[in-house]
Amino acid sequence: MDEICLTATDGVRLRLALHVSSASVARGTVVQAHGITADMDEGGMFVRLAERLAAEGFNVVRFDYRGHGRSDGTSRGVTVAGEMIDLGTIIEDAVTRFGEPLAVVAASFGAVSTLLSLSRLPVRGLVLWNPVLDLTRTFIEPELPWGIENFADTRQLGHLREHGYLPVDGGFELGWVAFEEFHTYGAAPLESFLTSSVPALVVHGDQDQAVSYDIARDAAKARPSCDFHTVAGSDHGFDSREREDEAIAVTVRWLGHQFGGAR
């Protein structure tokens, strides 16, 4: 694995990790997009997934969105638009560096920038882990306990008005600009997903208390060229090593099938 820096098109420096396959001819390139309070490691899952994929003949790129991990910026400055710039920059570099075909694995909020950019990116395969598809029902009018606690609680909203940011999970400071974007984009990620023909896999825990399992399941059913895998009993982000390994295994298997079968 090599760690390098890359400058986004608006000048923000991004940190990324490259996992290069030892195969003489790589099967494809996979870019991993992490969640809103995570970083390129995604709690270790993205590292293990990258290692598995590299062993299966894929080149893999992990990266920190701006305001996360070791990339430039602050959490209060994180925006959907900024994450779209970051993802576009990373994918352009990945294609130049490794070539196509290219797939994206996006976890949770990483699905937002991925789906809003999907029609403009050379993506041949898409894997979504516990994806945020509807910003309104996740953040603005939250239906699940995590969203209610972090985004609808009167103390949280008072903090946003007074200080200009929301303390998400007691640590990540989500700025008011991003919160306003949630109103603007609403269900746009879901609409983009439903109108896309890119082959997709959705992996979701059926006890997710943060991001709706029902929205993801129904979207997968309504969309052509989409497989859906339930991680039974799992909360958001896959809440045990066994469930994490299940999500990784089904992802590696699906990408292997999409990009030429098992090695």
Protein backbone atom coordinates (compact mmCIF):
# COMPACT_ATOMS: atom_id res chain seq x y z
CA MET A 1 0.00 0.00 0.00
CA ASP A 2 1.20 3.50 -0.86
CA GLU A 3 -0.15 6.73 0.65
CA ILE A 4 0.01 9.86 -1.47
CA CYS A 5 -1.56 13.32 -1.72
CA LEU A 6 -3.65 14.62 -4.59
CA THR A 7 -4.96 18.13 -5.18
CA ALA A 8 -8.66 18.46 -5.97
CA THR A 9 -9.78 20.71 -8.78
CA ASP A 10 -10.50 23.53 -6.32
CA GLY A 11 -7.10 23.29 -4.63
CA VAL A 12 -7.94 21.15 -1.60
CA ARG A 13 -5.28 18.53 -0.83
CA LEU A 14 -6.62 15.01 -0.40
CA ARG A 15 -4.91 12.03 1.19
CA LEU A 16 -5.34 8.68 -0.52
CA ALA A 17 -4.07 5.11 -0.22
CA LEU A 18 -3.34 2.90 -3.22
CA HIS A 19 -3.57 -0.88 -3.07
CA VAL A 20 -1.97 -2.14 -6.27
CA SER A 21 -2.74 -5.62 -7.52
CA SER A 22 0.18 -7.95 -8.15
CA ALA A 23 -1.64 -9.43 -11.15
CA SER A 24 0.06 -8.88 -14.49
CA VAL A 25 -3.21 -7.51 -15.86
CA ALA A 26 -5.59 -6.00 -13.33
CA ARG A 27 -9.26 -6.91 -13.51
CA GLY A 28 -10.37 -3.36 -12.79
CA THR A 29 -10.15 -0.42 -10.42
CA VAL A 30 -12.26 0.09 -7.28
CA VAL A 31 -12.64 3.46 -5.54
CA GLN A 32 -13.98 3.42 -1.98
CA ALA A 33 -16.08 6.34 -0.68
CA HIS A 34 -16.50 6.53 3.12
CA GLY A 35 -19.28 7.79 5.38
CA ILE A 36 -19.95 11.15 6.98
CA THR A 37 -18.14 10.66 10.32
CA ALA A 38 -15.61 8.10 9.08
CA ASP A 39 -12.38 8.25 7.08
CA MET A 40 -10.70 6.18 4.38
CA ASP A 41 -10.37 3.23 6.77
CA GLU A 42 -14.15 3.06 7.42
CA GLY A 43 -13.45 1.55 10.84
CA GLY A 44 -11.04 -0.95 9.27
CA MET A 45 -13.57 -2.39 6.85
CA PHE A 46 -12.25 -0.51 3.84
CA VAL A 47 -8.70 -1.64 4.62
CA ARG A 48 -9.73 -5.28 4.76
CA LEU A 49 -11.90 -4.93 1.66
CA ALA A 50 -9.03 -3.29 -0.26
CA GLU A 51 -6.63 -6.06 0.71
CA ARG A 52 -9.10 -8.74 -0.37
CA LEU A 53 -9.77 -7.01 -3.68
CA ALA A 54 -6.06 -6.47 -4.40
CA ALA A 55 -5.52 -10.19 -3.81
CA GLU A 56 -8.30 -10.85 -6.33
CA GLY A 57 -6.64 -8.77 -9.04
CA PHE A 58 -8.12 -5.30 -8.50
CA ASN A 59 -6.38 -1.99 -8.01
CA VAL A 60 -8.04 -0.15 -5.13
CA VAL A 61 -8.10 3.51 -4.08
CA ARG A 62 -9.12 4.61 -0.61
CA PHE A 63 -9.26 8.34 0.21
CA ASP A 64 -10.25 10.86 2.85
CA TYR A 65 -12.91 13.33 1.78
CA ARG A 66 -12.05 16.94 2.63
CA GLY A 67 -12.56 17.67 6.33
CA HIS A 68 -11.95 14.01 7.17
CA GLY A 69 -8.90 12.02 8.19
CA ARG A 70 -5.69 13.59 6.91
CA SER A 71 -7.14 15.53 3.98
CA ASP A 72 -7.29 19.32 4.14
CA GLY A 73 -10.30 21.15 5.48
CA THR A 74 -12.46 21.00 8.60
CA SER A 75 -15.59 19.05 9.39
CA ARG A 76 -17.59 22.30 9.57
CA GLY A 77 -16.53 23.02 5.99
CA VAL A 78 -17.70 19.68 4.64
CA THR A 79 -20.36 20.00 1.93
CA VAL A 80 -22.07 17.69 -0.51
CA ALA A 81 -20.72 19.81 -3.37
CA GLY A 82 -17.20 19.57 -1.98
CA GLU A 83 -17.45 15.80 -1.67
CA MET A 84 -18.61 15.61 -5.28
CA ILE A 85 -15.49 17.54 -6.31
CA ASP A 86 -13.32 15.20 -4.24
CA LEU A 87 -14.85 12.05 -5.69
CA GLY A 88 -14.57 13.34 -9.24
CA THR A 89 -10.91 14.22 -8.69
CA ILE A 90 -10.12 10.81 -7.21
CA ILE A 91 -11.89 8.91 -9.98
CA GLU A 92 -10.23 10.94 -12.73
CA ASP A 93 -6.82 10.18 -11.20
CA ALA A 94 -7.70 6.49 -10.70
CA VAL A 95 -8.64 6.08 -14.36
CA THR A 96 -5.46 7.87 -15.47
CA ARG A 97 -3.32 5.87 -13.08
CA PHE A 98 -4.87 2.40 -13.43
CA GLY A 99 -7.34 2.51 -16.31
CA GLU A 100 -10.84 1.13 -16.60
CA PRO A 101 -13.19 -0.61 -15.91
CA LEU A 102 -13.94 1.15 -12.66
CA ALA A 103 -16.31 0.47 -9.77
CA VAL A 104 -17.22 2.45 -6.64
CA VAL A 105 -17.93 1.04 -3.20
CA ALA A 106 -19.72 3.74 -1.19
CA ALA A 107 -20.62 3.45 2.49
CA SER A 108 -23.51 5.36 4.07
CA PHE A 109 -23.15 9.10 3.27
CA GLY A 110 -20.53 8.29 0.64
CA ALA A 111 -23.48 7.20 -1.49
CA VAL A 112 -24.72 10.80 -1.70
CA SER A 113 -21.79 12.27 -3.64
CA THR A 114 -21.47 9.04 -5.60
CA LEU A 115 -25.08 8.95 -6.77
CA LEU A 116 -25.33 12.68 -7.46
CA SER A 117 -22.22 12.37 -9.66
CA LEU A 118 -23.01 8.99 -11.19
CA SER A 119 -24.19 10.13 -14.61
CA ARG A 120 -20.91 12.05 -15.11
CA LEU A 121 -18.50 9.35 -13.99
CA PRO A 122 -17.11 6.31 -15.88
CA VAL A 123 -18.51 3.84 -13.34
CA ARG A 124 -19.19 0.28 -14.52
CA GLY A 125 -20.18 -1.19 -11.16
CA LEU A 126 -21.62 0.23 -7.95
CA VAL A 127 -21.73 -1.23 -4.43
CA LEU A 128 -23.63 0.64 -1.73
CA TRP A 129 -23.28 -0.22 1.95
CA ASN A 130 -26.16 1.08 4.12
CA PRO A 131 -26.60 3.97 1.66
CA VAL A 132 -28.13 7.35 2.41
CA LEU A 133 -30.61 7.63 -0.47
CA ASP A 134 -33.04 10.20 0.93
CA LEU A 135 -31.53 13.17 2.74
CA THR A 136 -34.92 14.45 3.85
CA ARG A 137 -35.95 11.24 5.60
CA THR A 138 -32.48 10.71 7.06
CA PHE A 139 -31.57 14.23 8.27
CA ILE A 140 -34.32 16.83 7.80
CA GLU A 141 -37.36 14.82 8.88
CA PRO A 142 -35.52 11.82 10.35
CA GLU A 143 -37.44 8.61 10.84
CA LEU A 144 -34.86 6.61 12.78
CA PRO A 145 -33.34 7.04 16.26
CA TRP A 146 -29.87 8.18 15.18
CA GLY A 147 -31.23 10.90 12.92
CA ILE A 148 -33.77 12.07 15.49
CA GLU A 149 -31.08 12.32 18.17
CA ASN A 150 -28.52 14.15 16.02
CA PHE A 151 -30.64 16.28 13.69
CA ALA A 152 -34.14 16.79 15.14
CA ASP A 153 -33.48 17.19 18.85
CA THR A 154 -34.33 20.75 19.96
CA ARG A 155 -30.98 21.10 21.74
CA GLN A 156 -29.14 20.09 18.59
CA LEU A 157 -31.09 22.55 16.44
CA GLY A 158 -30.49 25.25 19.03
CA HIS A 159 -26.77 24.54 18.86
CA LEU A 160 -26.92 24.85 15.07
CA ARG A 161 -28.61 28.25 15.30
CA GLU A 162 -26.24 29.55 17.98
CA HIS A 163 -22.92 28.11 16.85
CA GLY A 164 -23.41 27.33 13.15
CA TYR A 165 -22.83 23.59 13.34
CA LEU A 166 -24.31 20.33 14.64
CA PRO A 167 -22.16 18.05 16.85
CA VAL A 168 -22.90 14.68 15.24
CA ASP A 169 -22.32 11.71 17.55
CA GLY A 170 -20.74 14.17 19.97
CA GLY A 171 -17.67 14.68 17.79
CA PHE A 172 -18.05 15.44 14.09
CA GLU A 173 -19.04 19.10 13.57
CA LEU A 174 -21.44 19.34 10.62
CA GLY A 175 -21.68 22.93 9.38
CA TRP A 176 -24.86 24.81 8.53
CA VAL A 177 -24.05 24.90 4.80
CA ALA A 178 -24.15 21.11 4.57
CA PHE A 179 -27.38 21.07 6.59
CA GLU A 180 -28.95 23.50 4.12
CA GLU A 181 -27.76 21.30 1.24
CA PHE A 182 -29.72 18.41 2.73
CA HIS A 183 -32.88 20.48 2.17
CA THR A 184 -31.82 21.26 -1.39
CA TYR A 185 -30.92 17.76 -2.51
CA GLY A 186 -33.69 15.91 -0.65
CA ALA A 187 -34.41 12.65 -2.47
CA ALA A 188 -32.10 13.43 -5.42
CA PRO A 189 -29.66 10.59 -4.60
CA LEU A 190 -32.55 8.10 -4.68
CA GLU A 191 -33.81 9.50 -7.98
CA SER A 192 -30.33 9.25 -9.49
CA PHE A 193 -30.02 5.66 -8.30
CA LEU A 194 -33.40 4.67 -9.75
CA THR A 195 -32.70 6.21 -13.15
CA SER A 196 -29.20 4.77 -13.51
CA SER A 197 -28.53 1.56 -15.41
CA VAL A 198 -25.12 0.93 -13.81
CA PRO A 199 -25.09 -2.61 -12.35
CA ALA A 200 -25.38 -2.31 -8.58
CA LEU A 201 -25.29 -4.23 -5.32
CA VAL A 202 -26.84 -2.88 -2.12
CA VAL A 203 -25.76 -4.39 1.21
CA HIS A 204 -27.80 -3.29 4.23
CA GLY A 205 -28.43 -4.37 7.81
CA ASP A 206 -32.10 -4.95 8.57
CA GLN A 207 -31.80 -3.43 12.07
CA ASP A 208 -30.19 -0.18 10.91
CA GLN A 209 -31.06 2.61 13.35
CA ALA A 210 -29.48 5.40 11.28
CA VAL A 211 -30.25 4.88 7.59
CA SER A 212 -33.46 3.29 6.33
CA TYR A 213 -33.26 -0.36 5.34
CA ASP A 214 -36.76 -0.13 3.86
CA ILE A 215 -35.85 2.72 1.49
CA ALA A 216 -32.80 0.82 0.24
CA ARG A 217 -34.67 -2.48 -0.14
CA ASP A 218 -37.56 -0.90 -2.03
CA ALA A 219 -35.20 1.05 -4.30
CA ALA A 220 -33.23 -2.09 -5.14
CA LYS A 221 -36.46 -3.93 -6.00
CA ALA A 222 -37.63 -1.09 -8.25
CA ARG A 223 -34.37 -0.82 -10.16
CA PRO A 224 -33.08 -3.06 -12.96
CA SER A 225 -29.60 -4.59 -12.73
CA CYS A 226 -29.53 -4.43 -8.94
CA ASP A 227 -28.81 -7.11 -6.36
CA PHE A 228 -29.72 -6.71 -2.70
CA HIS A 229 -28.11 -8.45 0.26
CA THR A 230 -29.48 -8.29 3.80
CA VAL A 231 -27.08 -8.59 6.70
CA ALA A 232 -29.53 -10.09 9.16
CA GLY A 233 -29.70 -8.48 12.59
CA SER A 234 -27.16 -5.77 11.79
CA ASP A 235 -27.30 -2.13 12.81
CA HIS A 236 -25.69 0.64 10.74
CA GLY A 237 -22.15 0.03 9.54
CA PHE A 238 -22.35 -3.70 10.32
CA ASP A 239 -22.02 -4.05 14.07
CA SER A 240 -19.79 -7.08 14.57
CA ARG A 241 -16.68 -8.51 12.96
CA GLU A 242 -18.74 -11.41 11.62
CA ARG A 243 -21.24 -9.06 9.95
CA GLU A 244 -18.46 -6.86 8.60
CA ASP A 245 -16.83 -9.93 7.08
CA GLU A 246 -20.15 -10.93 5.54
CA ALA A 247 -20.50 -7.54 3.84
CA ILE A 248 -16.91 -7.70 2.61
CA ALA A 249 -17.29 -11.24 1.27
CA VAL A 250 -20.48 -10.54 -0.67
CA THR A 251 -18.90 -7.37 -2.11
CA VAL A 252 -15.75 -9.16 -3.27
CA ARG A 253 -17.82 -11.95 -4.78
CA TRP A 254 -20.14 -9.54 -6.61
CA LEU A 255 -17.32 -7.41 -8.01
CA GLY A 256 -15.47 -10.54 -9.09
CA HIS A 257 -18.53 -11.65 -11.02
CA GLN A 258 -19.05 -8.24 -12.61
CA PHE A 259 -15.42 -7.92 -13.67
CA GLY A 260 -14.77 -11.32 -15.12
CA GLY A 261 -15.49 -14.06 -12.61
CA ALA A 262 -13.33 -15.69 -9.97
CA ARG A 263 -9.55 -15.83 -10.39
